[in-house]
N, C-alpha and C. Protein backbone atom coordinates (compact mmCIF):
# COMPACT_ATOMS: atom_id res chain seq x y z
N UNK A 1 140.71 49.27 115.49
CA UNK A 1 140.43 49.61 114.10
C UNK A 1 139.04 50.25 114.04
N UNK A 2 138.92 51.33 113.35
CA UNK A 2 137.63 52.00 113.22
C UNK A 2 137.23 52.03 111.76
N UNK A 3 135.93 52.10 111.54
CA UNK A 3 135.42 52.19 110.18
C UNK A 3 134.47 53.37 110.11
N UNK A 4 134.21 53.84 108.91
CA UNK A 4 133.36 55.01 108.72
C UNK A 4 131.89 54.59 108.67
N UNK A 5 131.05 55.41 109.28
CA UNK A 5 129.60 55.22 109.20
C UNK A 5 129.15 55.53 107.78
N UNK A 6 128.24 54.73 107.25
CA UNK A 6 127.84 54.89 105.85
C UNK A 6 127.01 56.14 105.60
N UNK A 7 126.32 56.65 106.61
CA UNK A 7 125.44 57.81 106.38
C UNK A 7 126.02 59.13 106.86
N UNK A 8 126.71 59.12 108.02
CA UNK A 8 127.16 60.40 108.58
C UNK A 8 128.67 60.56 108.60
N UNK A 9 129.43 59.59 108.14
CA UNK A 9 130.89 59.61 108.06
C UNK A 9 131.57 59.78 109.41
N UNK A 10 130.93 59.33 110.49
CA UNK A 10 131.54 59.33 111.81
C UNK A 10 132.34 58.05 111.95
N UNK A 11 133.49 58.13 112.62
CA UNK A 11 134.29 56.93 112.84
C UNK A 11 133.61 56.05 113.88
N UNK A 12 133.37 54.77 113.51
CA UNK A 12 132.80 53.80 114.44
C UNK A 12 133.94 53.04 115.10
N UNK A 13 133.95 53.03 116.43
CA UNK A 13 134.98 52.30 117.14
C UNK A 13 134.63 50.82 117.16
N UNK A 14 135.61 50.01 117.55
CA UNK A 14 135.37 48.58 117.64
C UNK A 14 134.37 48.30 118.75
N UNK A 15 133.42 47.42 118.50
CA UNK A 15 132.40 47.09 119.49
C UNK A 15 131.13 47.92 119.33
N UNK A 16 131.09 48.77 118.32
CA UNK A 16 129.91 49.59 118.07
C UNK A 16 129.42 49.37 116.65
N UNK A 17 128.15 49.62 116.43
CA UNK A 17 127.58 49.52 115.09
C UNK A 17 126.43 50.52 114.97
N UNK A 18 125.89 50.62 113.77
CA UNK A 18 124.82 51.57 113.52
C UNK A 18 123.49 50.82 113.42
N UNK A 19 122.47 51.34 114.08
CA UNK A 19 121.13 50.75 114.01
C UNK A 19 120.58 50.95 112.60
N UNK A 20 120.07 49.91 111.95
CA UNK A 20 119.55 50.06 110.59
C UNK A 20 118.24 50.85 110.53
N UNK A 21 117.56 50.99 111.66
CA UNK A 21 116.27 51.70 111.67
C UNK A 21 116.44 53.19 111.96
N UNK A 22 117.04 53.53 113.11
CA UNK A 22 117.15 54.95 113.49
C UNK A 22 118.51 55.54 113.16
N UNK A 23 119.46 54.74 112.71
CA UNK A 23 120.80 55.15 112.27
C UNK A 23 121.65 55.73 113.39
N UNK A 24 121.34 55.41 114.66
CA UNK A 24 122.16 55.86 115.78
C UNK A 24 123.23 54.81 116.05
N UNK A 25 124.33 55.24 116.65
CA UNK A 25 125.44 54.35 116.94
C UNK A 25 125.19 53.70 118.30
N UNK A 26 125.22 52.37 118.33
CA UNK A 26 124.94 51.61 119.54
C UNK A 26 126.01 50.55 119.72
N UNK A 27 126.03 49.92 120.91
CA UNK A 27 126.98 48.83 121.16
C UNK A 27 126.62 47.63 120.29
N UNK A 28 127.63 46.89 119.91
CA UNK A 28 127.44 45.79 118.97
C UNK A 28 126.73 44.58 119.59
N UNK A 29 126.86 44.39 120.90
CA UNK A 29 126.32 43.20 121.53
C UNK A 29 124.87 43.35 122.02
N UNK A 30 124.23 44.48 121.76
CA UNK A 30 122.85 44.69 122.19
C UNK A 30 121.88 43.93 121.28
N UNK A 31 120.89 43.21 121.86
CA UNK A 31 119.92 42.50 121.02
C UNK A 31 118.86 43.42 120.42
N UNK A 32 118.57 44.56 121.09
CA UNK A 32 117.62 45.54 120.57
C UNK A 32 118.22 46.93 120.67
N UNK A 33 117.77 47.82 119.82
CA UNK A 33 118.23 49.20 119.84
C UNK A 33 117.57 49.91 121.03
N UNK A 34 118.35 50.59 121.89
CA UNK A 34 117.74 51.27 123.04
C UNK A 34 116.93 52.51 122.65
N UNK A 35 117.12 53.02 121.44
CA UNK A 35 116.42 54.23 121.02
C UNK A 35 115.08 53.91 120.34
N UNK A 36 115.07 52.93 119.45
CA UNK A 36 113.84 52.65 118.70
C UNK A 36 113.27 51.25 118.96
N UNK A 37 113.92 50.46 119.82
CA UNK A 37 113.45 49.13 120.23
C UNK A 37 113.28 48.15 119.07
N UNK A 38 114.10 48.26 118.04
CA UNK A 38 114.07 47.32 116.93
C UNK A 38 114.92 46.11 117.29
N UNK A 39 114.41 44.91 117.01
CA UNK A 39 115.15 43.69 117.25
C UNK A 39 116.30 43.59 116.25
N UNK A 40 117.52 43.48 116.74
CA UNK A 40 118.70 43.44 115.87
C UNK A 40 119.22 42.03 115.65
N UNK A 41 118.63 41.05 116.32
CA UNK A 41 119.04 39.66 116.15
C UNK A 41 118.22 39.08 115.00
N UNK A 42 118.87 38.60 113.94
CA UNK A 42 118.11 38.03 112.82
C UNK A 42 117.41 36.74 113.23
N UNK A 43 116.12 36.65 112.90
CA UNK A 43 115.36 35.45 113.22
C UNK A 43 115.40 34.48 112.05
N UNK A 44 115.63 33.22 112.36
CA UNK A 44 115.65 32.19 111.33
C UNK A 44 114.23 31.66 111.15
N UNK A 45 113.83 31.53 109.89
CA UNK A 45 112.51 30.98 109.60
C UNK A 45 112.58 29.46 109.67
N UNK A 46 111.69 28.87 110.44
CA UNK A 46 111.64 27.42 110.58
C UNK A 46 110.31 26.93 110.02
N UNK A 47 110.38 26.06 109.04
CA UNK A 47 109.16 25.46 108.50
C UNK A 47 108.78 24.27 109.36
N UNK A 48 107.54 24.27 109.81
CA UNK A 48 107.07 23.16 110.64
C UNK A 48 106.82 21.94 109.76
N UNK A 49 106.14 22.14 108.64
CA UNK A 49 105.90 21.07 107.67
C UNK A 49 106.47 21.54 106.33
N UNK A 50 107.22 20.66 105.68
CA UNK A 50 107.79 21.02 104.38
C UNK A 50 106.67 21.23 103.36
N UNK A 51 106.98 22.03 102.35
CA UNK A 51 105.95 22.41 101.37
C UNK A 51 105.45 21.22 100.56
N UNK A 52 106.33 20.32 100.17
CA UNK A 52 105.86 19.18 99.37
C UNK A 52 105.00 18.22 100.20
N UNK A 53 105.32 18.07 101.49
CA UNK A 53 104.48 17.24 102.36
C UNK A 53 103.12 17.89 102.58
N UNK A 54 103.13 19.21 102.73
CA UNK A 54 101.87 19.94 102.92
C UNK A 54 101.00 19.84 101.67
N UNK A 55 101.62 19.91 100.50
CA UNK A 55 100.87 19.77 99.25
C UNK A 55 100.27 18.37 99.13
N UNK A 56 101.01 17.35 99.53
CA UNK A 56 100.49 15.98 99.51
C UNK A 56 99.30 15.83 100.45
N UNK A 57 99.41 16.41 101.64
CA UNK A 57 98.31 16.36 102.61
C UNK A 57 97.07 17.05 102.04
N UNK A 58 97.26 18.20 101.42
CA UNK A 58 96.13 18.94 100.83
C UNK A 58 95.49 18.17 99.69
N UNK A 59 96.29 17.50 98.89
CA UNK A 59 95.76 16.71 97.78
C UNK A 59 94.93 15.54 98.30
N UNK A 60 95.39 14.89 99.34
CA UNK A 60 94.64 13.77 99.93
C UNK A 60 93.33 14.27 100.53
N UNK A 61 93.38 15.39 101.24
CA UNK A 61 92.14 15.95 101.81
C UNK A 61 91.16 16.34 100.71
N UNK A 62 91.67 16.91 99.62
CA UNK A 62 90.80 17.29 98.50
C UNK A 62 90.15 16.07 97.87
N UNK A 63 90.92 15.01 97.69
CA UNK A 63 90.36 13.77 97.14
C UNK A 63 89.28 13.21 98.05
N UNK A 64 89.51 13.23 99.35
CA UNK A 64 88.51 12.72 100.30
C UNK A 64 87.23 13.55 100.21
N UNK A 65 87.38 14.88 100.13
CA UNK A 65 86.20 15.75 100.02
C UNK A 65 85.40 15.42 98.76
N UNK A 66 86.09 15.27 97.63
CA UNK A 66 85.38 15.00 96.38
C UNK A 66 84.80 13.60 96.33
N UNK A 67 85.43 12.64 96.97
CA UNK A 67 84.87 11.29 97.03
C UNK A 67 83.61 11.28 97.89
N UNK A 68 83.63 12.03 98.98
CA UNK A 68 82.44 12.11 99.83
C UNK A 68 81.28 12.82 99.15
N UNK A 69 81.57 13.66 98.16
CA UNK A 69 80.52 14.32 97.39
C UNK A 69 79.98 13.43 96.27
N UNK A 70 80.53 12.24 96.10
CA UNK A 70 80.17 11.31 95.03
C UNK A 70 80.38 11.92 93.64
N UNK A 71 81.53 12.53 93.45
CA UNK A 71 81.86 13.11 92.15
C UNK A 71 82.27 12.02 91.17
N UNK A 72 82.04 12.29 89.89
CA UNK A 72 82.40 11.36 88.83
C UNK A 72 83.87 11.56 88.48
N UNK A 73 84.66 10.48 88.57
CA UNK A 73 86.10 10.56 88.32
C UNK A 73 86.44 10.82 86.86
N UNK A 74 85.52 10.56 85.97
CA UNK A 74 85.80 10.70 84.54
C UNK A 74 85.46 12.08 83.99
N UNK A 75 84.88 12.94 84.79
CA UNK A 75 84.50 14.26 84.28
C UNK A 75 85.62 15.28 84.52
N UNK A 76 85.66 16.28 83.67
CA UNK A 76 86.69 17.32 83.82
C UNK A 76 86.38 18.23 85.01
N UNK A 77 85.13 18.28 85.42
CA UNK A 77 84.76 19.10 86.58
C UNK A 77 85.40 18.55 87.86
N UNK A 78 85.51 17.22 87.94
CA UNK A 78 86.15 16.60 89.10
C UNK A 78 87.59 17.08 89.23
N UNK A 79 88.33 17.08 88.14
CA UNK A 79 89.74 17.48 88.20
C UNK A 79 89.89 18.99 88.43
N UNK A 80 88.97 19.76 87.87
CA UNK A 80 88.98 21.20 88.11
C UNK A 80 88.73 21.50 89.59
N UNK A 81 87.73 20.84 90.17
CA UNK A 81 87.45 21.01 91.59
C UNK A 81 88.61 20.53 92.45
N UNK A 82 89.25 19.45 92.03
CA UNK A 82 90.39 18.92 92.77
C UNK A 82 91.52 19.93 92.83
N UNK A 83 91.82 20.56 91.70
CA UNK A 83 92.89 21.56 91.65
C UNK A 83 92.54 22.78 92.50
N UNK A 84 91.32 23.27 92.36
CA UNK A 84 90.90 24.47 93.10
C UNK A 84 90.91 24.22 94.60
N UNK A 85 90.35 23.12 95.04
CA UNK A 85 90.31 22.81 96.47
C UNK A 85 91.72 22.60 97.01
N UNK A 86 92.58 21.94 96.25
CA UNK A 86 93.95 21.71 96.69
C UNK A 86 94.70 23.02 96.85
N UNK A 87 94.55 23.94 95.91
CA UNK A 87 95.24 25.23 96.00
C UNK A 87 94.75 26.03 97.20
N UNK A 88 93.44 26.07 97.39
CA UNK A 88 92.89 26.82 98.52
C UNK A 88 93.35 26.22 99.85
N UNK A 89 93.28 24.91 99.97
CA UNK A 89 93.73 24.25 101.19
C UNK A 89 95.22 24.46 101.43
N UNK A 90 96.01 24.40 100.36
CA UNK A 90 97.46 24.55 100.50
C UNK A 90 97.81 25.93 101.07
N UNK A 91 97.25 26.97 100.47
CA UNK A 91 97.57 28.32 100.95
C UNK A 91 97.02 28.57 102.35
N UNK A 92 95.84 28.04 102.65
CA UNK A 92 95.28 28.23 103.98
C UNK A 92 96.10 27.50 105.04
N UNK A 93 96.45 26.25 104.79
CA UNK A 93 97.23 25.50 105.76
C UNK A 93 98.66 26.02 105.87
N UNK A 94 99.23 26.45 104.75
CA UNK A 94 100.57 27.01 104.78
C UNK A 94 100.61 28.27 105.62
N UNK A 95 99.60 29.13 105.47
CA UNK A 95 99.54 30.34 106.29
C UNK A 95 99.30 29.99 107.75
N UNK A 96 98.39 29.05 107.99
CA UNK A 96 98.02 28.72 109.37
C UNK A 96 99.14 28.01 110.11
N UNK A 97 99.82 27.08 109.46
CA UNK A 97 100.85 26.28 110.13
C UNK A 97 102.19 27.01 110.14
N UNK A 98 102.63 27.47 109.00
CA UNK A 98 103.97 28.06 108.90
C UNK A 98 103.98 29.58 108.98
N UNK A 99 102.82 30.22 109.00
CA UNK A 99 102.69 31.68 109.05
C UNK A 99 103.43 32.36 107.91
N UNK A 100 103.32 31.79 106.72
CA UNK A 100 103.91 32.39 105.52
C UNK A 100 103.13 31.91 104.32
N UNK A 101 103.24 32.64 103.22
CA UNK A 101 102.58 32.23 101.98
C UNK A 101 103.62 32.17 100.89
């Protein structure tokens, strides 16, 4: 059974497919395109630490930092600093550990 190529209307035989990058017809079982060297195997994203656990870790670290600074728990500046430090730590650790934002 053959199907039509979406861009050039050439009949694709069974066992062949079109490279999404260079649009050349290649064998279906190849992991990379021989013409443009694009990886054709989809990579699954694996999170090392879940986002909610990472957020909890960042919140605890932020609290420790503010406690070591002897901040007043009753002031609004304490909570503002807590939120800002937690957000900065979360994005930094998320990028560093999971390589994503």
